Protein backbone atom coordinates (compact mmCIF):
# COMPACT_ATOMS: atom_id res chain seq x y z
CA UNK A 1 118.18 91.65 101.23
CA UNK A 2 116.89 91.71 97.43
CA UNK A 3 119.45 94.02 96.17
CA UNK A 4 122.54 92.38 97.33
CA UNK A 5 121.77 88.65 96.94
CA UNK A 6 119.08 88.14 93.62
CA UNK A 7 119.63 84.28 94.69
CA UNK A 8 118.97 84.15 97.79
CA UNK A 9 116.15 82.82 99.67
CA UNK A 10 114.80 86.14 100.59
CA UNK A 11 114.83 87.44 96.86
CA UNK A 12 113.11 84.38 95.80
CA UNK A 13 110.27 85.19 98.41
CA UNK A 14 109.81 88.60 97.63
CA UNK A 15 109.66 87.14 94.06
CA UNK A 16 106.77 85.52 94.73
CA UNK A 17 105.38 87.89 96.76
CA UNK A 18 105.95 90.40 93.19
CA UNK A 19 104.29 87.25 91.08
CA UNK A 20 101.23 87.36 93.51
CA UNK A 21 100.66 90.68 93.52
CA UNK A 22 100.89 90.80 89.57
CA UNK A 23 98.73 87.61 89.20
CA UNK A 24 96.35 88.47 91.35
CA UNK A 25 95.58 92.05 89.32
CA UNK A 26 95.59 90.46 85.68
CA UNK A 27 92.08 92.34 84.99
CA UNK A 28 92.56 95.04 87.52
CA UNK A 29 96.10 96.05 88.11
CA UNK A 30 97.03 96.17 91.94
CA UNK A 31 97.66 99.86 91.75
CA UNK A 32 98.38 100.69 95.44
CA UNK A 33 99.55 97.71 97.91
CA UNK A 34 99.92 98.93 101.90
CA UNK A 35 102.80 96.45 103.68
CA UNK A 36 101.97 96.24 107.15
CA UNK A 37 103.50 93.73 110.42
CA UNK A 38 101.30 92.85 113.55
CA UNK A 39 104.08 94.44 115.80
CA UNK A 40 106.96 96.63 114.76
CA UNK A 41 110.46 95.32 114.19
CA UNK A 42 109.15 92.31 111.74
CA UNK A 43 110.85 93.31 108.49
CA UNK A 44 108.06 94.65 107.04
CA UNK A 45 110.27 97.85 105.99
CA UNK A 46 112.81 95.81 104.35
CA UNK A 47 109.66 93.52 102.54
CA UNK A 48 108.31 97.14 101.41
CA UNK A 49 112.20 98.11 99.62
CA UNK A 50 112.79 94.65 98.40
CA UNK A 51 109.24 94.33 96.95
CA UNK A 52 109.47 97.54 95.14
CA UNK A 53 113.09 97.06 93.83
CA UNK A 54 111.39 93.60 92.46
CA UNK A 55 108.73 95.72 90.99
CA UNK A 56 110.25 98.19 89.83
CA UNK A 57 112.43 96.01 87.01
CA UNK A 58 109.49 96.16 85.50
CA UNK A 59 107.32 98.48 86.26
CA UNK A 60 107.34 102.95 87.71
CA UNK A 61 106.97 102.80 91.44
CA UNK A 62 106.82 104.76 94.12
CA UNK A 63 107.43 103.43 97.61
CA UNK A 64 106.09 106.05 100.31
CA UNK A 65 106.92 105.67 104.66
CA UNK A 66 103.74 106.02 106.00
CA UNK A 67 104.52 104.82 109.01
CA UNK A 68 104.76 108.12 110.52
CA UNK A 69 105.49 107.02 114.22
CA UNK A 70 108.92 105.05 113.54
CA UNK A 71 109.54 105.87 109.98
CA UNK A 72 112.77 104.45 108.62
CA UNK A 73 112.78 104.67 105.08
CA UNK A 74 114.92 108.07 105.31
CA UNK A 75 117.41 106.80 107.17
CA UNK A 76 117.40 103.18 105.15
CA UNK A 77 118.68 105.44 102.16
CA UNK A 78 120.56 107.89 103.66
CA UNK A 79 118.62 111.06 103.47
CA UNK A 80 119.81 114.14 104.46
CA UNK A 81 118.31 114.75 107.84
CA UNK A 82 114.95 117.04 107.74
CA UNK A 83 114.15 116.25 104.16
CA UNK A 84 111.14 116.82 103.04
CA UNK A 85 108.41 114.30 103.07
CA UNK A 86 104.70 112.85 103.07
CA UNK A 87 103.53 115.11 105.86
CA UNK A 88 105.12 118.09 104.45
CA UNK A 89 104.02 117.33 101.22
CA UNK A 90 99.92 116.89 102.89
CA UNK A 91 100.52 119.75 105.03
CA UNK A 92 102.00 121.84 102.14
CA UNK A 93 105.20 123.12 103.46
CA UNK A 94 106.65 122.04 100.48
CA UNK A 95 105.91 120.96 97.01
CA UNK A 96 105.03 117.16 96.36
CA UNK A 97 107.68 116.83 93.73
CA UNK A 98 110.44 118.19 95.84
CA UNK A 99 109.42 115.01 98.59
CA UNK A 100 109.92 112.70 96.14
CA UNK A 101 113.28 111.20 96.05
CA UNK A 102 114.43 109.11 93.38
CA UNK A 103 117.06 106.19 94.78
CA UNK A 104 119.46 104.04 93.00
CA UNK A 105 117.43 100.92 93.03
CA UNK A 106 114.90 102.28 89.91
CA UNK A 107 112.28 103.43 91.84
CA UNK A 108 111.14 107.11 93.68
CA UNK A 109 110.79 107.10 97.50
CA UNK A 110 108.81 109.34 99.13
CA UNK A 111 110.31 109.72 102.81
CA UNK A 112 107.84 110.33 105.98
CA UNK A 113 109.16 113.64 106.31
CA UNK A 114 108.64 115.96 109.82
CA UNK A 115 106.64 113.29 112.24
CA UNK A 116 103.61 115.11 112.48
CA UNK A 117 101.68 115.16 115.58
CA UNK A 118 98.49 113.47 115.41
CA UNK A 119 99.28 111.18 112.02
CA UNK A 120 96.10 109.20 112.09
CA UNK A 121 94.26 112.55 111.63
CA UNK A 122 97.17 113.49 108.81
CA UNK A 123 96.32 109.85 107.06
CA UNK A 124 92.48 110.03 107.58
CA UNK A 125 92.71 113.80 105.90
CA UNK A 126 90.85 114.12 101.85
CA UNK A 127 93.88 115.62 101.11
CA UNK A 128 96.25 112.61 101.71
CA UNK A 129 93.52 110.57 99.88
CA UNK A 130 93.73 112.65 96.95
CA UNK A 131 97.62 112.85 97.48
CA UNK A 132 97.31 109.16 97.02
CA UNK A 133 95.24 109.09 94.41
CA UNK A 134 96.83 111.49 92.17
CA UNK A 135 100.49 109.27 92.63
CA UNK A 136 98.85 106.48 91.55
CA UNK A 137 97.94 107.84 88.70
CA UNK A 138 101.44 108.93 87.85
CA UNK A 139 102.78 105.44 89.10
CA UNK A 140 102.53 101.94 87.74
CA UNK A 141 102.01 101.09 91.36
CA UNK A 142 102.74 102.96 95.04
CA UNK A 143 103.88 100.41 98.08
CA UNK A 144 102.71 101.94 101.35
CA UNK A 145 105.17 100.80 104.43
CA UNK A 146 102.53 101.24 107.23
CA UNK A 147 102.87 101.37 110.48
CA UNK A 148 102.16 97.81 112.80
CA UNK A 149 98.79 96.86 113.13
CA UNK A 150 99.29 95.94 117.31
CA UNK A 151 100.22 99.60 118.38
CA UNK A 152 96.95 101.88 116.33
CA UNK A 153 94.79 102.21 113.59
CA UNK A 154 96.73 103.75 110.82
CA UNK A 155 97.13 100.62 109.20
CA UNK A 156 93.53 100.04 108.82
CA UNK A 157 92.64 103.37 107.43
CA UNK A 158 95.60 102.97 104.78
CA UNK A 159 94.05 99.79 103.71
CA UNK A 160 90.95 101.16 102.87
CA UNK A 161 92.26 103.05 99.85
CA UNK A 162 94.66 100.21 99.00
CA UNK A 163 93.84 97.38 96.53
CA UNK A 164 95.72 94.55 98.28
CA UNK A 165 97.65 94.11 101.25
CA UNK A 166 101.75 92.24 102.38
CA UNK A 167 101.16 91.32 105.79
CA UNK A 168 104.61 90.48 106.82
CA UNK A 169 104.92 87.85 109.78
CA UNK A 170 108.59 86.82 111.66
CA UNK A 171 108.37 83.23 111.18
CA UNK A 172 110.36 82.42 114.48
CA UNK A 173 109.22 85.22 116.82
CA UNK A 174 105.42 86.41 116.53
CA UNK A 175 102.71 84.56 117.95
CA UNK A 176 100.48 82.77 115.02
CA UNK A 177 97.44 84.03 117.42
CA UNK A 178 98.38 87.71 117.01
CA UNK A 179 99.11 87.29 113.77
CA UNK A 180 95.55 86.00 112.92
CA UNK A 181 93.56 88.32 115.15
CA UNK A 182 95.45 91.49 112.89
CA UNK A 183 94.71 89.53 109.60
CA UNK A 184 90.82 88.54 111.47
CA UNK A 185 91.03 92.66 112.23
CA UNK A 186 91.76 93.41 108.14
CA UNK A 187 89.26 90.70 106.94
CA UNK A 188 86.69 91.90 109.46
CA UNK A 189 87.04 95.58 107.46
CA UNK A 190 86.59 94.16 104.09
CA UNK A 191 89.37 95.19 102.92
CA UNK A 192 90.93 93.70 99.52
CA UNK A 193 93.70 90.85 100.50
CA UNK A 194 96.63 89.02 98.49
């Protein structure tokens, strides 16, 4: 990914996304970006991490794991098992600042934390929305790694809080009809789109 080889085509693609985000928000910067895909395993978490790393070269960035069904960021950064995260902060079983961890790539990570029994309810709560708004005031960029669209409506709820969205599709595996259906779902919900 971006971290290992800054000259790879993947790194180049990541920089293109970064540039697109910055240019499409010159007058009104995109503070909150949701990253989603159609189905699991398309690399959206990899894209989230690399985009956070690319943006962190210039800005203060927070990466949030809001894929509460299959969280992967704690594992990707080798955080200790059971370390508190998003769900703990929302449930107030841990202080928000104790749930945010700095990583070596120059940005902060808020992992998923304990997987809640009803992720959709948590993401839909006022407390969650207020917390995201607070974090958006503290950071230049908040990148939210969210659940794939096909399975659940978490991403649609999260996208209503975002001002930009990155839709990840694996060119060789996901049927374009599914991708278009996903994008259609998002467009239909009147969401901002990059």
